[in-house]
Structure formats: C-alpha cells, structure tokens
C-alpha cells in the first residue's frame, strides 16, 4: 500500500504473490502449457518390432507345425502349473 492508503497495482501484485505463492506457479504452469506445443505419443519402434516378430513367428509356427506347437504349449502349461501353481493360488481372490 502507498502512503495515502491507496494501493498501487504493483503493490497489490506483490502482496498477492507473497500471500499465495502457489497461485504464481499455477499461472506460470498455465502459461507454459498454452505456449508449449503438445507432442503426440510416439510409438517405440524397437518394442513394436520385437513384439510383431514374436507374434508373427508364433502364427507361422501354428500353421507349419500344429502338432509340435500343441505339444510345446501343453508342456509349458504343465510346467507352469507344477512349479508356479502355488503363486496362482496365493494371488487368486477366491
């Protein structure tokens, strides 16, 4: 406030900044958001490529050797249930 009891705009701004500093940071964040361009989400080509190769390989394997895929899948399921069945039971909600 000035000497006559009338506050100047700069004095009012300083008083507001001192009483509520979080308002200044919110205002600065809003200004940054308004001026910063939003970049669309990028696709990680390495992860996508590796996953695509595995999925396509599995599909090709299912066409080429159905019996062998069934045998390997059955063995994998049996091994998981034998050695990790306790974990499945312990985390199940029922």
N, C-alpha and C. Protein backbone atom coordinates (compact mmCIF):
# COMPACT_ATOMS: atom_id res chain seq x y z
N UNK A 1 0.83 -1.18 0.00
CA UNK A 1 0.00 0.00 0.00
C UNK A 1 0.88 1.24 0.00
N UNK A 2 0.37 2.27 -0.61
CA UNK A 2 1.13 3.52 -0.65
C UNK A 2 0.88 4.31 0.62
N UNK A 3 1.48 5.48 0.72
CA UNK A 3 1.36 6.28 1.94
C UNK A 3 -0.06 6.78 2.19
N UNK A 4 -0.81 7.08 1.15
CA UNK A 4 -2.15 7.61 1.32
C UNK A 4 -3.17 6.51 1.64
N UNK A 5 -2.77 5.26 1.68
CA UNK A 5 -3.69 4.18 1.98
C UNK A 5 -4.31 3.58 0.73
N UNK A 6 -3.90 4.07 -0.45
CA UNK A 6 -4.40 3.54 -1.70
C UNK A 6 -3.33 2.62 -2.27
N UNK A 7 -3.71 1.44 -2.63
CA UNK A 7 -2.71 0.50 -3.13
C UNK A 7 -2.51 0.71 -4.63
N UNK A 8 -1.27 0.60 -5.04
CA UNK A 8 -0.94 0.69 -6.47
C UNK A 8 -1.02 -0.71 -7.06
N UNK A 9 -1.15 -0.82 -8.37
CA UNK A 9 -1.23 -2.16 -8.96
C UNK A 9 -0.01 -3.02 -8.65
N UNK A 10 1.17 -2.45 -8.67
CA UNK A 10 2.36 -3.25 -8.39
C UNK A 10 2.40 -3.69 -6.93
N UNK A 11 1.95 -2.84 -6.01
CA UNK A 11 1.91 -3.21 -4.60
C UNK A 11 0.90 -4.32 -4.38
N UNK A 12 -0.23 -4.22 -5.04
CA UNK A 12 -1.26 -5.27 -4.89
C UNK A 12 -0.75 -6.59 -5.44
N UNK A 13 -0.02 -6.53 -6.55
CA UNK A 13 0.53 -7.75 -7.14
C UNK A 13 1.57 -8.37 -6.21
N UNK A 14 2.43 -7.55 -5.62
CA UNK A 14 3.44 -8.07 -4.69
C UNK A 14 2.78 -8.69 -3.47
N UNK A 15 1.73 -8.04 -2.97
CA UNK A 15 1.03 -8.57 -1.81
C UNK A 15 0.38 -9.91 -2.13
N UNK A 16 -0.20 -10.03 -3.31
CA UNK A 16 -0.83 -11.27 -3.72
C UNK A 16 0.21 -12.38 -3.87
N UNK A 17 1.37 -12.06 -4.46
CA UNK A 17 2.41 -13.06 -4.64
C UNK A 17 2.96 -13.54 -3.32
N UNK A 18 3.03 -12.65 -2.32
CA UNK A 18 3.54 -13.06 -1.02
C UNK A 18 2.52 -13.88 -0.26
N UNK A 19 1.24 -13.55 -0.40
CA UNK A 19 0.23 -14.26 0.37
C UNK A 19 -0.11 -15.62 -0.23
N UNK A 20 0.03 -15.77 -1.53
CA UNK A 20 -0.31 -17.03 -2.17
C UNK A 20 0.70 -17.34 -3.28
N UNK A 21 1.89 -17.82 -2.93
CA UNK A 21 2.90 -18.08 -3.97
C UNK A 21 2.52 -19.21 -4.91
N UNK A 22 1.64 -20.11 -4.47
CA UNK A 22 1.24 -21.20 -5.36
C UNK A 22 0.42 -20.70 -6.54
N UNK A 23 -0.27 -19.57 -6.37
CA UNK A 23 -1.02 -19.00 -7.49
C UNK A 23 -0.10 -18.57 -8.61
N UNK A 24 1.07 -18.06 -8.24
CA UNK A 24 2.04 -17.65 -9.25
C UNK A 24 2.53 -18.86 -10.02
N UNK A 25 2.81 -19.97 -9.31
CA UNK A 25 3.30 -21.16 -10.01
C UNK A 25 2.22 -21.76 -10.89
N UNK A 26 0.95 -21.70 -10.46
CA UNK A 26 -0.13 -22.20 -11.30
C UNK A 26 -0.24 -21.35 -12.56
N UNK A 27 -0.13 -20.05 -12.40
CA UNK A 27 -0.21 -19.15 -13.55
C UNK A 27 0.94 -19.42 -14.50
N UNK A 28 2.15 -19.63 -13.96
CA UNK A 28 3.30 -19.93 -14.82
C UNK A 28 3.11 -21.26 -15.53
N UNK A 29 2.55 -22.27 -14.84
CA UNK A 29 2.29 -23.56 -15.48
C UNK A 29 1.29 -23.42 -16.61
N UNK A 30 0.26 -22.61 -16.38
CA UNK A 30 -0.73 -22.39 -17.43
C UNK A 30 -0.12 -21.71 -18.63
N UNK A 31 0.77 -20.74 -18.38
CA UNK A 31 1.42 -20.05 -19.49
C UNK A 31 2.31 -21.01 -20.27
N UNK A 32 3.01 -21.89 -19.58
CA UNK A 32 3.85 -22.87 -20.26
C UNK A 32 3.00 -23.83 -21.09
N UNK A 33 1.87 -24.25 -20.53
CA UNK A 33 1.01 -25.18 -21.24
C UNK A 33 0.44 -24.54 -22.49
N UNK A 34 0.08 -23.28 -22.40
CA UNK A 34 -0.50 -22.60 -23.54
C UNK A 34 0.52 -22.38 -24.65
N UNK A 35 1.77 -22.19 -24.30
CA UNK A 35 2.77 -21.89 -25.32
C UNK A 35 3.53 -23.13 -25.79
N UNK A 36 3.53 -24.19 -25.01
CA UNK A 36 4.26 -25.38 -25.37
C UNK A 36 3.40 -26.26 -26.27
N UNK A 37 3.88 -26.60 -27.46
CA UNK A 37 3.07 -27.47 -28.32
C UNK A 37 3.00 -28.88 -27.75
N UNK A 38 1.87 -29.49 -27.90
CA UNK A 38 1.66 -30.85 -27.39
C UNK A 38 2.13 -31.83 -28.45
N UNK A 39 3.07 -32.69 -28.06
CA UNK A 39 3.60 -33.69 -28.99
C UNK A 39 2.79 -34.97 -28.88
N UNK A 40 2.35 -35.52 -29.98
CA UNK A 40 1.58 -36.76 -29.89
C UNK A 40 2.44 -37.91 -29.36
N UNK A 41 1.79 -38.89 -28.77
CA UNK A 41 2.52 -40.03 -28.22
C UNK A 41 3.26 -40.76 -29.34
N UNK A 42 4.49 -41.09 -29.07
CA UNK A 42 5.33 -41.75 -30.07
C UNK A 42 5.25 -43.27 -29.90
N UNK A 43 5.43 -43.96 -30.99
CA UNK A 43 5.44 -45.41 -30.99
C UNK A 43 6.89 -45.87 -30.89
N UNK A 44 7.18 -46.69 -29.89
CA UNK A 44 8.53 -47.22 -29.74
C UNK A 44 8.71 -48.34 -30.76
N UNK A 45 9.45 -48.05 -31.81
CA UNK A 45 9.58 -48.99 -32.92
C UNK A 45 10.34 -50.26 -32.54
N UNK A 46 11.25 -50.17 -31.59
CA UNK A 46 12.01 -51.37 -31.19
C UNK A 46 11.08 -52.35 -30.48
N UNK A 47 10.32 -51.86 -29.52
CA UNK A 47 9.40 -52.73 -28.79
C UNK A 47 8.33 -53.28 -29.73
N UNK A 48 7.80 -52.41 -30.58
CA UNK A 48 6.78 -52.83 -31.53
C UNK A 48 7.33 -53.88 -32.49
N UNK A 49 8.54 -53.66 -32.99
CA UNK A 49 9.14 -54.59 -33.94
C UNK A 49 9.39 -55.96 -33.34
N UNK A 50 9.96 -55.99 -32.14
CA UNK A 50 10.25 -57.26 -31.47
C UNK A 50 8.95 -58.02 -31.19
N UNK A 51 7.95 -57.31 -30.70
CA UNK A 51 6.66 -57.94 -30.40
C UNK A 51 6.00 -58.44 -31.67
N UNK A 52 6.08 -57.68 -32.74
CA UNK A 52 5.47 -58.10 -34.01
C UNK A 52 6.16 -59.35 -34.55
N UNK A 53 7.49 -59.40 -34.46
CA UNK A 53 8.22 -60.58 -34.95
C UNK A 53 7.83 -61.82 -34.14
N UNK A 54 7.73 -61.68 -32.83
CA UNK A 54 7.34 -62.82 -31.98
C UNK A 54 5.93 -63.28 -32.33
N UNK A 55 5.00 -62.34 -32.47
CA UNK A 55 3.61 -62.71 -32.77
C UNK A 55 3.49 -63.36 -34.14
N UNK A 56 4.15 -62.79 -35.13
CA UNK A 56 4.09 -63.36 -36.48
C UNK A 56 4.76 -64.73 -36.52
N UNK A 57 5.88 -64.88 -35.81
CA UNK A 57 6.54 -66.18 -35.73
C UNK A 57 5.65 -67.23 -35.09
N UNK A 58 4.92 -66.85 -34.06
CA UNK A 58 4.01 -67.79 -33.40
C UNK A 58 2.89 -68.20 -34.34
N UNK A 59 2.35 -67.25 -35.10
CA UNK A 59 1.28 -67.57 -36.05
C UNK A 59 1.79 -68.49 -37.15
N UNK A 60 2.98 -68.19 -37.67
CA UNK A 60 3.56 -69.04 -38.72
C UNK A 60 3.81 -70.44 -38.18
N UNK A 61 4.33 -70.54 -36.96
CA UNK A 61 4.58 -71.83 -36.33
C UNK A 61 3.28 -72.63 -36.19
N UNK A 62 2.17 -71.92 -35.86
CA UNK A 62 0.90 -72.63 -35.72
C UNK A 62 0.40 -73.20 -37.04
N UNK A 63 0.73 -72.56 -38.17
CA UNK A 63 0.34 -73.09 -39.48
C UNK A 63 1.27 -74.21 -39.95
N UNK A 64 2.56 -74.05 -39.68
CA UNK A 64 3.55 -75.00 -40.19
C UNK A 64 3.53 -76.30 -39.40
N UNK A 65 3.52 -76.22 -38.10
CA UNK A 65 3.62 -77.42 -37.27
C UNK A 65 2.63 -77.37 -36.12
N UNK A 66 1.41 -77.64 -36.42
CA UNK A 66 0.35 -77.56 -35.41
C UNK A 66 0.56 -78.57 -34.29
N UNK A 67 0.94 -79.77 -34.62
CA UNK A 67 1.13 -80.81 -33.60
C UNK A 67 2.27 -80.45 -32.65
N UNK A 68 3.37 -79.96 -33.20
CA UNK A 68 4.52 -79.60 -32.35
C UNK A 68 4.18 -78.41 -31.46
N UNK A 69 3.45 -77.43 -31.99
CA UNK A 69 3.04 -76.28 -31.19
C UNK A 69 2.12 -76.72 -30.05
N UNK A 70 1.22 -77.64 -30.34
CA UNK A 70 0.33 -78.15 -29.30
C UNK A 70 1.11 -78.87 -28.21
N UNK A 71 2.11 -79.64 -28.60
CA UNK A 71 2.94 -80.38 -27.65
C UNK A 71 3.74 -79.41 -26.76
N UNK A 72 4.36 -78.42 -27.37
CA UNK A 72 5.16 -77.44 -26.61
C UNK A 72 4.27 -76.62 -25.69
N UNK A 73 3.10 -76.21 -26.18
CA UNK A 73 2.17 -75.43 -25.35
C UNK A 73 1.69 -76.24 -24.16
N UNK A 74 1.40 -77.52 -24.40
CA UNK A 74 0.95 -78.39 -23.31
C UNK A 74 2.05 -78.57 -22.27
N UNK A 75 3.28 -78.78 -22.73
CA UNK A 75 4.41 -78.92 -21.80
C UNK A 75 4.65 -77.63 -21.01
N UNK A 76 4.53 -76.50 -21.68
CA UNK A 76 4.72 -75.21 -20.99
C UNK A 76 3.66 -75.00 -19.93
N UNK A 77 2.41 -75.29 -20.26
CA UNK A 77 1.32 -75.15 -19.29
C UNK A 77 1.52 -76.10 -18.11
N UNK A 78 1.92 -77.33 -18.38
CA UNK A 78 2.15 -78.29 -17.29
C UNK A 78 3.27 -77.83 -16.38
N UNK A 79 4.35 -77.32 -16.96
CA UNK A 79 5.47 -76.82 -16.16
C UNK A 79 5.10 -75.62 -15.32
N UNK A 80 4.34 -74.72 -15.91
CA UNK A 80 3.91 -73.54 -15.15
C UNK A 80 3.01 -73.94 -14.00
N UNK A 81 2.08 -74.83 -14.24
CA UNK A 81 1.17 -75.25 -13.17
C UNK A 81 1.91 -76.03 -12.09
N UNK A 82 2.91 -76.82 -12.48
CA UNK A 82 3.65 -77.61 -11.50
C UNK A 82 4.54 -76.74 -10.62
N UNK A 83 5.24 -75.80 -11.24
CA UNK A 83 6.22 -75.01 -10.49
C UNK A 83 5.70 -73.66 -10.02
N UNK A 84 4.68 -73.13 -10.66
CA UNK A 84 4.15 -71.82 -10.26
C UNK A 84 2.68 -71.87 -9.87
N UNK A 85 2.14 -73.04 -9.72
CA UNK A 85 0.74 -73.16 -9.31
C UNK A 85 0.47 -72.55 -7.96
N UNK A 86 1.43 -72.66 -7.03
CA UNK A 86 1.27 -72.09 -5.71
C UNK A 86 1.08 -70.58 -5.78
N UNK A 87 1.78 -69.95 -6.71
CA UNK A 87 1.67 -68.49 -6.84
C UNK A 87 0.29 -68.13 -7.38
N UNK A 88 -0.20 -68.90 -8.32
CA UNK A 88 -1.53 -68.66 -8.88
C UNK A 88 -2.61 -68.77 -7.81
N UNK A 89 -2.48 -69.76 -6.94
CA UNK A 89 -3.46 -69.95 -5.88
C UNK A 89 -3.34 -68.84 -4.84
N UNK A 90 -2.13 -68.42 -4.53
CA UNK A 90 -1.94 -67.41 -3.49
C UNK A 90 -2.41 -66.02 -3.90
N UNK A 91 -2.40 -65.70 -5.17
CA UNK A 91 -2.84 -64.36 -5.60
C UNK A 91 -4.28 -64.34 -6.08
N UNK A 92 -4.91 -65.49 -6.18
CA UNK A 92 -6.29 -65.50 -6.66
C UNK A 92 -7.21 -64.97 -5.55
N UNK A 93 -8.21 -64.19 -5.94
CA UNK A 93 -9.08 -63.58 -4.91
C UNK A 93 -10.07 -64.56 -4.29
N UNK A 94 -10.25 -65.72 -4.83
CA UNK A 94 -11.26 -66.64 -4.29
C UNK A 94 -10.59 -67.74 -3.52
